[in-house]
N, C-alpha and C. Protein backbone atom coordinates (compact mmCIF):
# COMPACT_ATOMS: atom_id res chain seq x y z
N UNK A 1 0.84 -1.19 0.00
CA UNK A 1 0.00 0.00 0.00
C UNK A 1 0.88 1.25 0.00
N UNK A 2 0.47 2.25 -0.75
CA UNK A 2 1.24 3.48 -0.87
C UNK A 2 1.01 4.36 0.35
N UNK A 3 2.07 5.10 0.71
CA UNK A 3 1.94 5.99 1.86
C UNK A 3 1.28 7.31 1.48
N UNK A 4 1.21 7.59 0.18
CA UNK A 4 0.60 8.85 -0.28
C UNK A 4 -0.76 8.56 -0.90
N UNK A 5 -1.60 9.57 -0.87
CA UNK A 5 -2.88 9.43 -1.57
C UNK A 5 -2.66 9.48 -3.08
N UNK A 6 -1.77 10.38 -3.50
CA UNK A 6 -1.48 10.52 -4.93
C UNK A 6 0.02 10.25 -5.12
N UNK A 7 0.40 9.10 -5.61
CA UNK A 7 1.83 8.79 -5.75
C UNK A 7 2.53 9.63 -6.82
N UNK A 8 1.78 10.26 -7.69
CA UNK A 8 2.39 11.09 -8.74
C UNK A 8 2.52 12.55 -8.34
N UNK A 9 2.14 12.91 -7.14
CA UNK A 9 2.20 14.30 -6.70
C UNK A 9 3.61 14.88 -6.80
N UNK A 10 4.66 14.18 -6.36
CA UNK A 10 6.01 14.75 -6.50
C UNK A 10 6.40 15.00 -7.96
N UNK A 11 5.96 14.13 -8.84
CA UNK A 11 6.25 14.31 -10.26
C UNK A 11 5.55 15.57 -10.79
N UNK A 12 4.30 15.75 -10.43
CA UNK A 12 3.58 16.95 -10.86
C UNK A 12 4.23 18.21 -10.32
N UNK A 13 4.68 18.18 -9.07
CA UNK A 13 5.35 19.35 -8.48
C UNK A 13 6.63 19.67 -9.23
N UNK A 14 7.40 18.63 -9.56
CA UNK A 14 8.65 18.83 -10.29
C UNK A 14 8.38 19.38 -11.69
N UNK A 15 7.37 18.87 -12.36
CA UNK A 15 7.03 19.36 -13.69
C UNK A 15 6.58 20.82 -13.63
N UNK A 16 5.83 21.18 -12.61
CA UNK A 16 5.38 22.56 -12.46
C UNK A 16 6.57 23.49 -12.20
N UNK A 17 7.50 23.03 -11.37
CA UNK A 17 8.69 23.83 -11.07
C UNK A 17 9.53 24.04 -12.32
N UNK A 18 9.70 22.99 -13.12
CA UNK A 18 10.46 23.12 -14.37
C UNK A 18 9.76 24.05 -15.34
N UNK A 19 8.44 24.00 -15.39
CA UNK A 19 7.69 24.89 -16.27
C UNK A 19 7.86 26.34 -15.90
N UNK A 20 7.84 26.65 -14.61
CA UNK A 20 8.01 28.04 -14.20
C UNK A 20 9.44 28.50 -14.45
N UNK A 21 10.42 27.60 -14.31
CA UNK A 21 11.81 27.97 -14.60
C UNK A 21 11.98 28.25 -16.08
N UNK A 22 11.36 27.45 -16.93
CA UNK A 22 11.45 27.68 -18.38
C UNK A 22 10.81 29.00 -18.75
N UNK A 23 9.67 29.32 -18.14
CA UNK A 23 9.00 30.58 -18.43
C UNK A 23 9.87 31.75 -18.01
N UNK A 24 10.53 31.65 -16.86
CA UNK A 24 11.39 32.73 -16.39
C UNK A 24 12.58 32.91 -17.32
N UNK A 25 13.19 31.82 -17.76
CA UNK A 25 14.32 31.91 -18.69
C UNK A 25 13.88 32.50 -20.02
N UNK A 26 12.70 32.11 -20.50
CA UNK A 26 12.19 32.62 -21.76
C UNK A 26 11.93 34.13 -21.67
N UNK A 27 11.36 34.56 -20.54
CA UNK A 27 11.10 35.99 -20.36
C UNK A 27 12.40 36.77 -20.30
N UNK A 28 13.40 36.24 -19.62
CA UNK A 28 14.70 36.91 -19.53
C UNK A 28 15.36 36.98 -20.91
N UNK A 29 15.27 35.92 -21.67
CA UNK A 29 15.85 35.91 -23.01
C UNK A 29 15.17 36.93 -23.91
N UNK A 30 13.85 37.03 -23.80
CA UNK A 30 13.13 38.03 -24.61
C UNK A 30 13.53 39.44 -24.22
N UNK A 31 13.70 39.68 -22.92
CA UNK A 31 14.10 41.01 -22.45
C UNK A 31 15.50 41.35 -22.96
N UNK A 32 16.41 40.40 -22.87
CA UNK A 32 17.78 40.64 -23.36
C UNK A 32 17.79 40.89 -24.86
N UNK A 33 17.02 40.12 -25.60
CA UNK A 33 16.96 40.31 -27.04
C UNK A 33 16.36 41.67 -27.38
N UNK A 34 15.37 42.09 -26.62
CA UNK A 34 14.76 43.40 -26.83
C UNK A 34 15.74 44.53 -26.60
N UNK A 35 16.51 44.44 -25.51
CA UNK A 35 17.52 45.47 -25.23
C UNK A 35 18.61 45.47 -26.30
N UNK A 36 19.02 44.29 -26.74
CA UNK A 36 20.03 44.20 -27.78
C UNK A 36 19.55 44.87 -29.07
N UNK A 37 18.33 44.59 -29.46
CA UNK A 37 17.78 45.19 -30.68
C UNK A 37 17.63 46.70 -30.52
N UNK A 38 17.24 47.15 -29.34
CA UNK A 38 17.10 48.59 -29.09
C UNK A 38 18.44 49.29 -29.24
N UNK A 39 19.47 48.74 -28.62
CA UNK A 39 20.80 49.36 -28.72
C UNK A 39 21.31 49.31 -30.15
N UNK A 40 21.06 48.22 -30.84
CA UNK A 40 21.47 48.09 -32.23
C UNK A 40 20.78 49.15 -33.10
N UNK A 41 19.49 49.34 -32.90
CA UNK A 41 18.75 50.33 -33.69
C UNK A 41 19.19 51.75 -33.35
N UNK A 42 19.46 52.04 -32.08
CA UNK A 42 19.94 53.38 -31.70
C UNK A 42 21.28 53.65 -32.38
N UNK A 43 22.15 52.65 -32.38
CA UNK A 43 23.45 52.82 -33.04
C UNK A 43 23.29 53.03 -34.54
N UNK A 44 22.39 52.28 -35.16
CA UNK A 44 22.19 52.40 -36.60
C UNK A 44 21.60 53.77 -36.95
N UNK A 45 20.61 54.21 -36.19
CA UNK A 45 19.98 55.51 -36.47
C UNK A 45 20.95 56.65 -36.20
N UNK A 46 21.71 56.58 -35.10
CA UNK A 46 22.64 57.67 -34.80
C UNK A 46 23.77 57.72 -35.82
N UNK A 47 24.18 56.59 -36.35
CA UNK A 47 25.22 56.57 -37.38
C UNK A 47 24.78 57.38 -38.60
N UNK A 48 23.56 57.14 -39.04
CA UNK A 48 23.07 57.87 -40.22
C UNK A 48 22.64 59.29 -39.88
N UNK A 49 22.17 59.52 -38.67
CA UNK A 49 21.76 60.88 -38.29
C UNK A 49 22.98 61.79 -38.21
N UNK A 50 24.06 61.30 -37.61
CA UNK A 50 25.26 62.12 -37.52
C UNK A 50 25.99 62.21 -38.85
N UNK A 51 25.78 61.25 -39.71
CA UNK A 51 26.39 61.31 -41.04
C UNK A 51 25.74 62.38 -41.90
N UNK A 52 24.46 62.63 -41.69
CA UNK A 52 23.73 63.63 -42.47
C UNK A 52 24.04 65.03 -41.96
N UNK A 53 24.20 65.16 -40.65
CA UNK A 53 24.42 66.50 -40.07
C UNK A 53 25.74 67.06 -40.41
């Protein structure tokens, strides 16, 4: 006889924890990519803006 009511509960907890970690990593990656693109675009625009002036 099992000591737990739901023997798969630890597995579900681990899967939920991994899911939240993946979501956090994905959000961080999107933020980093956004900042990278922003800096890249500022550099590109300023290069041509100062070239015209």
